[in-house]
N, C-alpha and C. Protein backbone atom coordinates (compact mmCIF):
# COMPACT_ATOMS: atom_id res chain seq x y z
N MET A 1 0.83 -1.19 0.00
CA MET A 1 0.00 0.00 0.00
C MET A 1 0.88 1.26 0.00
N SER A 2 0.55 2.21 -0.84
CA SER A 2 1.34 3.43 -0.94
C SER A 2 1.17 4.28 0.32
N PRO A 3 2.25 4.94 0.76
CA PRO A 3 2.14 5.81 1.94
C PRO A 3 1.28 7.02 1.65
N ARG A 4 0.61 7.52 2.68
CA ARG A 4 -0.17 8.75 2.56
C ARG A 4 0.77 9.94 2.71
N VAL A 5 0.74 10.82 1.73
CA VAL A 5 1.66 11.96 1.69
C VAL A 5 0.86 13.26 1.76
N LEU A 6 1.31 14.16 2.64
CA LEU A 6 0.71 15.49 2.73
C LEU A 6 1.77 16.54 2.41
N VAL A 7 1.47 17.40 1.45
CA VAL A 7 2.37 18.51 1.12
C VAL A 7 1.93 19.71 1.94
N ILE A 8 2.85 20.22 2.75
CA ILE A 8 2.60 21.41 3.57
C ILE A 8 3.25 22.60 2.90
N VAL A 9 2.45 23.63 2.62
CA VAL A 9 2.97 24.85 1.99
C VAL A 9 2.76 26.01 2.96
N PRO A 10 3.80 26.42 3.70
CA PRO A 10 3.66 27.61 4.54
C PRO A 10 3.64 28.86 3.66
N ALA A 11 2.75 29.78 3.97
CA ALA A 11 2.61 30.94 3.09
C ALA A 11 2.38 32.21 3.89
N PHE A 12 3.25 33.18 3.71
CA PHE A 12 3.09 34.50 4.31
C PHE A 12 3.13 35.54 3.20
N ASN A 13 1.98 36.11 2.89
CA ASN A 13 1.86 37.11 1.83
C ASN A 13 2.41 36.61 0.49
N GLU A 14 1.86 35.49 0.03
CA GLU A 14 2.31 34.88 -1.22
C GLU A 14 1.22 34.92 -2.29
N GLU A 15 0.45 36.03 -2.33
CA GLU A 15 -0.66 36.10 -3.28
C GLU A 15 -0.21 36.04 -4.73
N LYS A 16 1.01 36.44 -5.01
CA LYS A 16 1.49 36.46 -6.40
C LYS A 16 1.91 35.07 -6.90
N SER A 17 2.22 34.17 -5.98
CA SER A 17 2.78 32.89 -6.41
C SER A 17 1.99 31.66 -5.97
N ILE A 18 1.13 31.79 -4.96
CA ILE A 18 0.53 30.60 -4.36
C ILE A 18 -0.35 29.82 -5.34
N ALA A 19 -1.08 30.51 -6.20
CA ALA A 19 -1.94 29.80 -7.17
C ALA A 19 -1.10 28.95 -8.11
N GLY A 20 0.01 29.49 -8.58
CA GLY A 20 0.88 28.73 -9.47
C GLY A 20 1.50 27.53 -8.79
N VAL A 21 1.92 27.71 -7.53
CA VAL A 21 2.51 26.60 -6.77
C VAL A 21 1.50 25.45 -6.63
N LEU A 22 0.27 25.78 -6.26
CA LEU A 22 -0.75 24.75 -6.06
C LEU A 22 -1.16 24.10 -7.37
N SER A 23 -1.26 24.90 -8.41
CA SER A 23 -1.61 24.36 -9.73
C SER A 23 -0.54 23.38 -10.22
N ASP A 24 0.72 23.76 -10.04
CA ASP A 24 1.81 22.88 -10.46
C ASP A 24 1.81 21.58 -9.65
N LEU A 25 1.51 21.67 -8.36
CA LEU A 25 1.45 20.47 -7.52
C LEU A 25 0.32 19.55 -7.96
N ARG A 26 -0.81 20.11 -8.30
CA ARG A 26 -1.94 19.31 -8.77
C ARG A 26 -1.56 18.49 -9.99
N GLN A 27 -0.79 19.10 -10.88
CA GLN A 27 -0.40 18.42 -12.12
C GLN A 27 0.72 17.41 -11.90
N ALA A 28 1.73 17.81 -11.11
CA ALA A 28 2.92 16.98 -10.96
C ALA A 28 2.74 15.85 -9.95
N ALA A 29 1.90 16.08 -8.93
CA ALA A 29 1.74 15.08 -7.87
C ALA A 29 0.28 15.01 -7.42
N PRO A 30 -0.63 14.61 -8.32
CA PRO A 30 -2.06 14.57 -7.97
C PRO A 30 -2.39 13.58 -6.87
N GLU A 31 -1.50 12.62 -6.65
CA GLU A 31 -1.76 11.61 -5.62
C GLU A 31 -1.45 12.11 -4.21
N PHE A 32 -0.81 13.25 -4.09
CA PHE A 32 -0.49 13.81 -2.78
C PHE A 32 -1.59 14.78 -2.34
N ASP A 33 -1.92 14.76 -1.07
CA ASP A 33 -2.81 15.78 -0.51
C ASP A 33 -2.00 17.04 -0.24
N ARG A 34 -2.70 18.17 -0.14
CA ARG A 34 -2.04 19.45 0.04
C ARG A 34 -2.74 20.25 1.14
N ILE A 35 -1.96 21.03 1.87
CA ILE A 35 -2.55 21.98 2.81
C ILE A 35 -1.65 23.21 2.89
N VAL A 36 -2.26 24.37 2.84
CA VAL A 36 -1.52 25.63 2.94
C VAL A 36 -1.69 26.16 4.36
N VAL A 37 -0.58 26.48 5.00
CA VAL A 37 -0.63 27.11 6.32
C VAL A 37 -0.43 28.61 6.10
N VAL A 38 -1.54 29.35 6.18
CA VAL A 38 -1.50 30.79 5.94
C VAL A 38 -1.06 31.46 7.24
N ASP A 39 0.18 31.97 7.21
CA ASP A 39 0.83 32.45 8.43
C ASP A 39 0.54 33.92 8.68
N GLY A 40 -0.73 34.23 8.98
CA GLY A 40 -1.08 35.60 9.29
C GLY A 40 -0.95 36.56 8.13
N SER A 41 -1.12 36.07 6.91
CA SER A 41 -0.97 36.92 5.73
C SER A 41 -1.96 38.08 5.74
N LYS A 42 -1.49 39.24 5.30
CA LYS A 42 -2.33 40.43 5.22
C LYS A 42 -2.84 40.66 3.79
N ASP A 43 -2.37 39.88 2.85
CA ASP A 43 -2.78 40.05 1.46
C ASP A 43 -3.89 39.06 1.12
N ALA A 44 -4.02 38.71 -0.15
CA ALA A 44 -5.11 37.85 -0.60
C ALA A 44 -4.77 36.37 -0.62
N THR A 45 -3.69 35.97 0.03
CA THR A 45 -3.27 34.56 -0.01
C THR A 45 -4.40 33.62 0.42
N ALA A 46 -5.00 33.87 1.57
CA ALA A 46 -6.05 32.98 2.08
C ALA A 46 -7.25 32.91 1.14
N ARG A 47 -7.64 34.05 0.59
CA ARG A 47 -8.78 34.07 -0.33
C ARG A 47 -8.49 33.27 -1.59
N ILE A 48 -7.30 33.41 -2.13
CA ILE A 48 -6.93 32.67 -3.34
C ILE A 48 -6.95 31.17 -3.07
N VAL A 49 -6.39 30.76 -1.94
CA VAL A 49 -6.38 29.33 -1.60
C VAL A 49 -7.82 28.81 -1.47
N GLU A 50 -8.68 29.60 -0.85
CA GLU A 50 -10.08 29.20 -0.68
C GLU A 50 -10.78 29.09 -2.04
N GLU A 51 -10.54 30.04 -2.92
CA GLU A 51 -11.17 30.02 -4.25
C GLU A 51 -10.70 28.83 -5.07
N LEU A 52 -9.49 28.37 -4.82
CA LEU A 52 -8.97 27.19 -5.53
C LEU A 52 -9.51 25.89 -4.95
N GLY A 53 -10.22 25.99 -3.83
CA GLY A 53 -10.77 24.80 -3.21
C GLY A 53 -9.75 23.96 -2.47
N GLU A 54 -8.64 24.59 -2.09
CA GLU A 54 -7.57 23.87 -1.39
C GLU A 54 -7.76 24.00 0.13
N LYS A 55 -7.30 23.00 0.86
CA LYS A 55 -7.36 23.05 2.31
C LYS A 55 -6.35 24.07 2.83
N GLN A 56 -6.72 24.73 3.93
CA GLN A 56 -5.79 25.67 4.54
C GLN A 56 -6.00 25.72 6.04
N LEU A 57 -4.92 26.07 6.73
CA LEU A 57 -4.97 26.37 8.15
C LEU A 57 -4.54 27.83 8.28
N ARG A 58 -5.34 28.62 8.97
CA ARG A 58 -5.04 30.05 9.09
C ARG A 58 -4.55 30.36 10.50
N LEU A 59 -3.35 30.89 10.61
CA LEU A 59 -2.83 31.34 11.89
C LEU A 59 -3.30 32.78 12.13
N PRO A 60 -3.62 33.12 13.37
CA PRO A 60 -4.22 34.43 13.65
C PRO A 60 -3.28 35.61 13.42
N CYS A 61 -1.98 35.34 13.45
CA CYS A 61 -0.99 36.38 13.18
C CYS A 61 0.25 35.69 12.64
N ASN A 62 1.22 36.48 12.22
CA ASN A 62 2.44 35.92 11.66
C ASN A 62 3.31 35.33 12.77
N LEU A 63 3.30 34.00 12.86
CA LEU A 63 4.06 33.31 13.91
C LEU A 63 5.44 32.87 13.44
N GLY A 64 5.70 32.98 12.15
CA GLY A 64 7.01 32.61 11.64
C GLY A 64 7.02 31.25 10.97
N TYR A 65 8.05 31.05 10.17
CA TYR A 65 8.17 29.84 9.35
C TYR A 65 8.14 28.55 10.18
N GLY A 66 8.91 28.53 11.27
CA GLY A 66 8.98 27.33 12.09
C GLY A 66 7.64 26.94 12.67
N ARG A 67 6.92 27.91 13.23
CA ARG A 67 5.61 27.63 13.82
C ARG A 67 4.59 27.23 12.75
N ALA A 68 4.70 27.82 11.58
CA ALA A 68 3.79 27.45 10.49
C ALA A 68 3.99 25.98 10.11
N LEU A 69 5.24 25.57 9.99
CA LEU A 69 5.50 24.17 9.66
C LEU A 69 5.07 23.24 10.78
N GLN A 70 5.31 23.63 12.02
CA GLN A 70 4.87 22.80 13.14
C GLN A 70 3.35 22.63 13.12
N THR A 71 2.64 23.68 12.79
CA THR A 71 1.18 23.60 12.69
C THR A 71 0.77 22.57 11.65
N GLY A 72 1.41 22.63 10.49
CA GLY A 72 1.11 21.66 9.44
C GLY A 72 1.46 20.24 9.83
N MET A 73 2.58 20.08 10.52
CA MET A 73 2.99 18.74 10.95
C MET A 73 2.06 18.17 12.00
N LYS A 74 1.59 19.02 12.91
CA LYS A 74 0.63 18.55 13.92
C LYS A 74 -0.65 18.08 13.25
N TYR A 75 -1.08 18.80 12.23
CA TYR A 75 -2.27 18.39 11.47
C TYR A 75 -2.00 17.04 10.80
N ALA A 76 -0.83 16.90 10.19
CA ALA A 76 -0.49 15.65 9.50
C ALA A 76 -0.48 14.47 10.46
N LEU A 77 0.08 14.67 11.64
CA LEU A 77 0.12 13.58 12.63
C LEU A 77 -1.28 13.25 13.13
N ALA A 78 -2.08 14.27 13.36
CA ALA A 78 -3.44 14.05 13.86
C ALA A 78 -4.31 13.31 12.85
N THR A 79 -4.01 13.51 11.57
CA THR A 79 -4.80 12.88 10.51
C THR A 79 -4.08 11.67 9.90
N ARG A 80 -3.03 11.23 10.57
CA ARG A 80 -2.35 9.96 10.28
C ARG A 80 -1.72 9.87 8.89
N TYR A 81 -1.04 10.92 8.50
CA TYR A 81 -0.24 10.83 7.28
C TYR A 81 1.08 10.14 7.59
N ASP A 82 1.60 9.41 6.60
CA ASP A 82 2.87 8.68 6.77
C ASP A 82 4.07 9.57 6.49
N ILE A 83 3.91 10.47 5.54
CA ILE A 83 5.02 11.31 5.08
C ILE A 83 4.53 12.73 4.88
N VAL A 84 5.38 13.68 5.23
CA VAL A 84 5.11 15.10 5.00
C VAL A 84 6.15 15.63 4.02
N LEU A 85 5.69 16.43 3.09
CA LEU A 85 6.60 17.12 2.18
C LEU A 85 6.43 18.61 2.40
N CYS A 86 7.49 19.29 2.82
CA CYS A 86 7.45 20.74 3.04
C CYS A 86 7.94 21.43 1.78
N MET A 87 7.16 22.41 1.30
CA MET A 87 7.49 23.09 0.05
C MET A 87 7.14 24.56 0.18
N ASP A 88 8.06 25.45 -0.14
CA ASP A 88 7.82 26.88 0.00
C ASP A 88 6.74 27.37 -0.96
N GLY A 89 6.06 28.44 -0.56
CA GLY A 89 4.97 28.97 -1.36
C GLY A 89 5.36 30.09 -2.31
N ASP A 90 6.68 30.32 -2.48
CA ASP A 90 7.11 31.47 -3.29
C ASP A 90 7.52 31.10 -4.72
N GLY A 91 7.34 29.84 -5.09
CA GLY A 91 7.63 29.44 -6.46
C GLY A 91 9.06 29.02 -6.74
N GLN A 92 9.90 28.95 -5.72
CA GLN A 92 11.30 28.56 -5.94
C GLN A 92 11.46 27.07 -6.23
N HIS A 93 10.57 26.26 -5.66
CA HIS A 93 10.70 24.82 -5.80
C HIS A 93 9.86 24.30 -6.95
N LYS A 94 10.39 23.34 -7.68
CA LYS A 94 9.67 22.76 -8.82
C LYS A 94 8.78 21.62 -8.35
N ALA A 95 7.51 21.69 -8.71
CA ALA A 95 6.56 20.67 -8.27
C ALA A 95 6.93 19.28 -8.76
N GLU A 96 7.56 19.19 -9.92
CA GLU A 96 7.93 17.87 -10.44
C GLU A 96 8.99 17.18 -9.59
N ASP A 97 9.67 17.95 -8.74
CA ASP A 97 10.65 17.34 -7.84
C ASP A 97 9.97 16.70 -6.62
N ALA A 98 8.71 17.03 -6.37
CA ALA A 98 8.02 16.50 -5.19
C ALA A 98 7.97 14.97 -5.19
N PRO A 99 7.48 14.32 -6.27
CA PRO A 99 7.47 12.85 -6.28
C PRO A 99 8.88 12.26 -6.20
N ARG A 100 9.85 12.97 -6.75
CA ARG A 100 11.23 12.47 -6.73
C ARG A 100 11.78 12.47 -5.30
N LEU A 101 11.44 13.48 -4.52
CA LEU A 101 11.87 13.52 -3.12
C LEU A 101 11.24 12.38 -2.33
N ILE A 102 9.98 12.10 -2.57
CA ILE A 102 9.31 11.01 -1.87
C ILE A 102 9.94 9.67 -2.25
N ARG A 103 10.21 9.49 -3.54
CA ARG A 103 10.88 8.25 -3.97
C ARG A 103 12.24 8.11 -3.31
N ALA A 104 12.98 9.21 -3.24
CA ALA A 104 14.31 9.17 -2.61
C ALA A 104 14.20 8.80 -1.14
N LEU A 105 13.18 9.32 -0.46
CA LEU A 105 12.96 9.00 0.95
C LEU A 105 12.72 7.51 1.13
N LEU A 106 11.88 6.94 0.29
CA LEU A 106 11.52 5.53 0.40
C LEU A 106 12.69 4.62 0.01
N GLU A 107 13.36 4.97 -1.07
CA GLU A 107 14.44 4.11 -1.57
C GLU A 107 15.68 4.15 -0.69
N SER A 108 15.92 5.28 -0.02
CA SER A 108 17.10 5.40 0.84
C SER A 108 16.82 4.93 2.27
N HIS A 109 15.56 4.59 2.54
CA HIS A 109 15.16 4.16 3.89
C HIS A 109 15.58 5.19 4.94
N SER A 110 15.48 6.46 4.57
CA SER A 110 15.87 7.54 5.48
C SER A 110 14.63 8.12 6.16
N ASP A 111 14.88 9.00 7.10
CA ASP A 111 13.79 9.66 7.81
C ASP A 111 13.51 11.05 7.27
N VAL A 112 14.54 11.67 6.70
CA VAL A 112 14.42 13.00 6.12
C VAL A 112 15.23 13.05 4.83
N VAL A 113 14.63 13.60 3.78
CA VAL A 113 15.35 13.89 2.55
C VAL A 113 15.27 15.39 2.30
N ILE A 114 16.42 16.01 2.14
CA ILE A 114 16.50 17.45 1.88
C ILE A 114 16.67 17.67 0.38
N GLY A 115 15.78 18.48 -0.20
CA GLY A 115 15.97 18.88 -1.58
C GLY A 115 17.09 19.90 -1.64
N SER A 116 18.24 19.50 -2.17
CA SER A 116 19.45 20.31 -2.06
C SER A 116 19.85 20.93 -3.39
N ALA A 117 20.02 22.25 -3.37
CA ALA A 117 20.51 22.96 -4.55
C ALA A 117 22.02 22.95 -4.63
N PHE A 118 22.68 22.44 -3.58
CA PHE A 118 24.14 22.51 -3.50
C PHE A 118 24.83 21.15 -3.59
N SER A 119 24.12 20.07 -3.40
CA SER A 119 24.78 18.77 -3.42
C SER A 119 25.28 18.45 -4.82
N ASN A 120 26.21 17.53 -4.88
CA ASN A 120 26.79 17.11 -6.16
C ASN A 120 27.39 18.28 -6.94
N ASP A 121 28.05 19.20 -6.21
CA ASP A 121 28.76 20.32 -6.82
C ASP A 121 27.84 21.27 -7.59
N ARG A 122 26.58 21.30 -7.25
CA ARG A 122 25.67 22.25 -7.89
C ARG A 122 25.87 23.64 -7.30
N PHE A 123 25.56 24.64 -8.10
CA PHE A 123 25.78 26.03 -7.68
C PHE A 123 24.45 26.76 -7.72
N TYR A 124 24.11 27.41 -6.60
CA TYR A 124 22.88 28.20 -6.54
C TYR A 124 23.22 29.66 -6.71
N PRO A 125 22.66 30.33 -7.72
CA PRO A 125 23.04 31.72 -8.00
C PRO A 125 22.35 32.72 -7.08
N GLY A 126 22.54 32.55 -5.79
CA GLY A 126 21.95 33.47 -4.82
C GLY A 126 22.92 34.58 -4.46
N LYS A 127 22.55 35.36 -3.46
CA LYS A 127 23.40 36.45 -3.03
C LYS A 127 24.69 35.92 -2.40
N PHE A 128 25.76 36.70 -2.50
CA PHE A 128 27.06 36.26 -2.01
C PHE A 128 27.01 35.90 -0.53
N ILE A 129 26.35 36.73 0.29
CA ILE A 129 26.31 36.47 1.72
C ILE A 129 25.59 35.16 2.02
N ARG A 130 24.58 34.84 1.20
CA ARG A 130 23.87 33.57 1.37
C ARG A 130 24.78 32.39 1.08
N ARG A 131 25.58 32.52 0.02
CA ARG A 131 26.49 31.43 -0.34
C ARG A 131 27.54 31.23 0.75
N VAL A 132 28.04 32.33 1.31
CA VAL A 132 29.02 32.24 2.41
C VAL A 132 28.38 31.54 3.60
N GLY A 133 27.16 31.92 3.92
CA GLY A 133 26.45 31.29 5.03
C GLY A 133 26.24 29.81 4.81
N GLN A 134 25.91 29.43 3.58
CA GLN A 134 25.70 28.01 3.29
C GLN A 134 26.97 27.20 3.51
N VAL A 135 28.10 27.72 3.05
CA VAL A 135 29.37 27.01 3.23
C VAL A 135 29.68 26.88 4.72
N PHE A 136 29.50 27.97 5.47
CA PHE A 136 29.77 27.96 6.90
C PHE A 136 28.92 26.91 7.61
N PHE A 137 27.60 26.93 7.35
CA PHE A 137 26.72 26.00 8.05
C PHE A 137 26.93 24.56 7.61
N SER A 138 27.36 24.35 6.37
CA SER A 138 27.61 22.98 5.94
C SER A 138 28.80 22.39 6.70
N TYR A 139 29.84 23.21 6.93
CA TYR A 139 30.98 22.73 7.72
C TYR A 139 30.59 22.60 9.19
N LEU A 140 29.74 23.52 9.67
CA LEU A 140 29.30 23.44 11.05
C LEU A 140 28.51 22.16 11.30
N SER A 141 27.69 21.76 10.34
CA SER A 141 26.93 20.52 10.50
C SER A 141 27.87 19.32 10.64
N HIS A 142 28.98 19.36 9.91
CA HIS A 142 29.95 18.27 10.02
C HIS A 142 30.57 18.22 11.41
N LEU A 143 30.86 19.39 11.95
CA LEU A 143 31.45 19.44 13.29
C LEU A 143 30.46 18.96 14.36
N LEU A 144 29.19 19.30 14.20
CA LEU A 144 28.20 18.99 15.23
C LEU A 144 27.68 17.57 15.16
N ILE A 145 27.46 17.06 13.96
CA ILE A 145 26.82 15.75 13.83
C ILE A 145 27.62 14.75 13.00
N GLY A 146 28.81 15.16 12.55
CA GLY A 146 29.64 14.23 11.80
C GLY A 146 29.18 13.98 10.38
N GLN A 147 28.31 14.83 9.88
CA GLN A 147 27.78 14.69 8.52
C GLN A 147 27.70 16.07 7.89
N ARG A 148 28.32 16.25 6.75
CA ARG A 148 28.24 17.54 6.09
C ARG A 148 26.94 17.62 5.29
N ILE A 149 26.11 18.58 5.63
CA ILE A 149 24.87 18.84 4.91
C ILE A 149 25.07 20.11 4.12
N TYR A 150 24.98 20.01 2.81
CA TYR A 150 25.38 21.12 1.95
C TYR A 150 24.32 22.22 1.88
N ASP A 151 23.05 21.85 1.94
CA ASP A 151 21.98 22.86 1.84
C ASP A 151 21.17 22.85 3.13
N THR A 152 21.70 23.48 4.15
CA THR A 152 21.07 23.43 5.48
C THR A 152 19.82 24.31 5.57
N THR A 153 19.63 25.24 4.63
CA THR A 153 18.48 26.14 4.72
C THR A 153 17.38 25.80 3.72
N SER A 154 17.46 24.65 3.08
CA SER A 154 16.44 24.27 2.11
C SER A 154 15.08 24.13 2.77
N GLY A 155 14.05 24.73 2.16
CA GLY A 155 12.70 24.58 2.66
C GLY A 155 11.95 23.44 2.00
N PHE A 156 12.65 22.69 1.15
CA PHE A 156 12.05 21.58 0.40
C PHE A 156 12.52 20.27 1.03
N LYS A 157 11.69 19.68 1.89
CA LYS A 157 12.09 18.48 2.63
C LYS A 157 10.96 17.47 2.67
N ALA A 158 11.32 16.20 2.65
CA ALA A 158 10.37 15.12 2.88
C ALA A 158 10.71 14.47 4.21
N LEU A 159 9.71 14.27 5.07
CA LEU A 159 9.94 13.72 6.41
C LEU A 159 8.93 12.62 6.70
N ARG A 160 9.41 11.55 7.30
CA ARG A 160 8.50 10.53 7.80
C ARG A 160 7.81 11.04 9.06
N ALA A 161 6.70 10.38 9.40
CA ALA A 161 5.92 10.81 10.56
C ALA A 161 6.75 10.83 11.83
N ARG A 162 7.67 9.87 11.99
CA ARG A 162 8.46 9.84 13.23
C ARG A 162 9.38 11.04 13.34
N ALA A 163 9.84 11.56 12.19
CA ALA A 163 10.65 12.77 12.21
C ALA A 163 9.80 13.98 12.58
N CYS A 164 8.58 14.02 12.06
CA CYS A 164 7.66 15.11 12.41
C CYS A 164 7.35 15.09 13.90
N GLN A 165 7.14 13.89 14.43
CA GLN A 165 6.82 13.76 15.85
C GLN A 165 7.94 14.31 16.71
N ALA A 166 9.17 14.15 16.26
CA ALA A 166 10.32 14.65 17.02
C ALA A 166 10.43 16.17 16.96
N LEU A 167 9.73 16.79 16.02
CA LEU A 167 9.90 18.23 15.80
C LEU A 167 8.73 19.09 16.26
N VAL A 168 7.61 18.49 16.59
CA VAL A 168 6.44 19.32 16.90
C VAL A 168 6.42 19.83 18.33
N SER A 169 7.25 19.27 19.19
CA SER A 169 7.18 19.66 20.60
C SER A 169 8.14 20.78 20.98
N GLY A 170 9.21 20.97 20.21
CA GLY A 170 10.20 21.99 20.56
C GLY A 170 9.84 23.34 19.98
N THR A 171 10.73 24.31 20.17
CA THR A 171 10.56 25.64 19.60
C THR A 171 11.68 25.86 18.60
N PHE A 172 11.31 26.01 17.33
CA PHE A 172 12.29 26.18 16.28
C PHE A 172 11.99 27.46 15.52
N MET A 173 13.02 28.24 15.24
CA MET A 173 12.83 29.52 14.59
C MET A 173 12.63 29.36 13.08
N ASP A 174 13.43 28.49 12.46
CA ASP A 174 13.35 28.42 11.00
C ASP A 174 13.26 27.01 10.43
N PHE A 175 13.34 26.00 11.28
CA PHE A 175 13.24 24.61 10.84
C PHE A 175 14.35 24.23 9.85
N HIS A 176 15.53 24.76 10.05
CA HIS A 176 16.63 24.41 9.16
C HIS A 176 17.75 23.73 9.94
N MET A 177 18.82 24.47 10.21
CA MET A 177 20.02 23.89 10.80
C MET A 177 19.73 23.19 12.13
N GLU A 178 19.03 23.89 13.04
CA GLU A 178 18.84 23.32 14.37
C GLU A 178 17.97 22.08 14.35
N THR A 179 17.03 22.01 13.39
CA THR A 179 16.18 20.82 13.31
C THR A 179 16.97 19.63 12.81
N LEU A 180 17.85 19.87 11.85
CA LEU A 180 18.66 18.78 11.32
C LEU A 180 19.59 18.21 12.39
N VAL A 181 20.18 19.10 13.17
CA VAL A 181 21.05 18.66 14.27
C VAL A 181 20.24 17.82 15.27
N ARG A 182 19.06 18.31 15.62
CA ARG A 182 18.21 17.59 16.58
C ARG A 182 17.86 16.19 16.06
N LEU A 183 17.47 16.12 14.80
CA LEU A 183 17.07 14.83 14.23
C LEU A 183 18.24 13.85 14.20
N ARG A 184 19.42 14.33 13.84
CA ARG A 184 20.58 13.44 13.79
C ARG A 184 20.98 12.99 15.19
N LEU A 185 20.89 13.88 16.17
CA LEU A 185 21.21 13.50 17.55
C LEU A 185 20.22 12.47 18.09
N LEU A 186 19.02 12.47 17.54
CA LEU A 186 18.02 11.47 17.93
C LEU A 186 18.19 10.15 17.18
N GLY A 187 19.18 10.10 16.30
CA GLY A 187 19.47 8.86 15.58
C GLY A 187 18.73 8.68 14.28
N LEU A 188 18.07 9.73 13.78
CA LEU A 188 17.33 9.62 12.54
C LEU A 188 18.26 9.87 11.35
N LYS A 189 17.95 9.23 10.25
CA LYS A 189 18.79 9.29 9.05
C LYS A 189 18.36 10.45 8.16
N VAL A 190 19.32 11.32 7.83
CA VAL A 190 19.06 12.49 6.99
C VAL A 190 19.95 12.41 5.76
N VAL A 191 19.36 12.54 4.57
CA VAL A 191 20.13 12.53 3.33
C VAL A 191 19.72 13.72 2.47
N GLU A 192 20.55 14.02 1.47
CA GLU A 192 20.24 15.10 0.53
C GLU A 192 19.96 14.52 -0.84
N PHE A 193 19.13 15.25 -1.59
CA PHE A 193 18.77 14.85 -2.95
C PHE A 193 18.84 16.08 -3.84
N PRO A 194 19.55 16.01 -4.98
CA PRO A 194 19.77 17.20 -5.80
C PRO A 194 18.49 17.69 -6.48
N ILE A 195 18.24 19.00 -6.38
CA ILE A 195 17.13 19.65 -7.07
C ILE A 195 17.63 20.92 -7.73
N THR A 196 16.79 21.51 -8.56
CA THR A 196 17.07 22.81 -9.15
C THR A 196 16.17 23.83 -8.49
N VAL A 197 16.74 24.94 -8.05
CA VAL A 197 15.98 25.99 -7.35
C VAL A 197 15.87 27.19 -8.26
N GLU A 198 14.64 27.72 -8.40
CA GLU A 198 14.41 28.91 -9.19
C GLU A 198 14.60 30.15 -8.32
N GLU A 199 14.79 31.29 -8.99
CA GLU A 199 14.79 32.56 -8.26
C GLU A 199 13.40 32.79 -7.69
N ARG A 200 13.33 33.45 -6.54
CA ARG A 200 12.04 33.73 -5.92
C ARG A 200 11.14 34.49 -6.88
N ALA A 201 9.86 33.98 -7.01
CA ALA A 201 8.93 34.59 -7.97
C ALA A 201 8.52 35.98 -7.51
């Protein structure tokens, strides 16, 4: 039996891109369920999601990326999903990579798969300070957990339910570096999978 997959899309003022993200997901991964966590948006994000007939959770104010993802994960656990796929709502991630990340998770028998723009010598054309930060944190991850993670800030991740369970109780600001360290210290397997990242829409 195929695992139940929920795609969580945290969205804060993403009225310009959210319709395209959801439309692309419908086409590329129709077998996955979707939910948008509207993180206190002041624009038309929630209305657009509602008009598209998509499920959403609305936070009363902007609680931040980490809390938005935790909200989605708590929903996924309560409704007994096997796997969660986190995908940004700004159009940077390609929907066709979603099924590939899930396949990578299953085939590698891992607990978390990170969609990485930097693995396998790939280069992300972002700002210089961002690239410096990525290199720093990738070496820091090696020092802390004995594993170099090249794209520590990727918002494109697939997680098994047990990984979500480990993350819903703590307080995380961005669900990136500190979450990966926590998961590895708990003995969960984290791997990277190469993706292509677009410029923010």
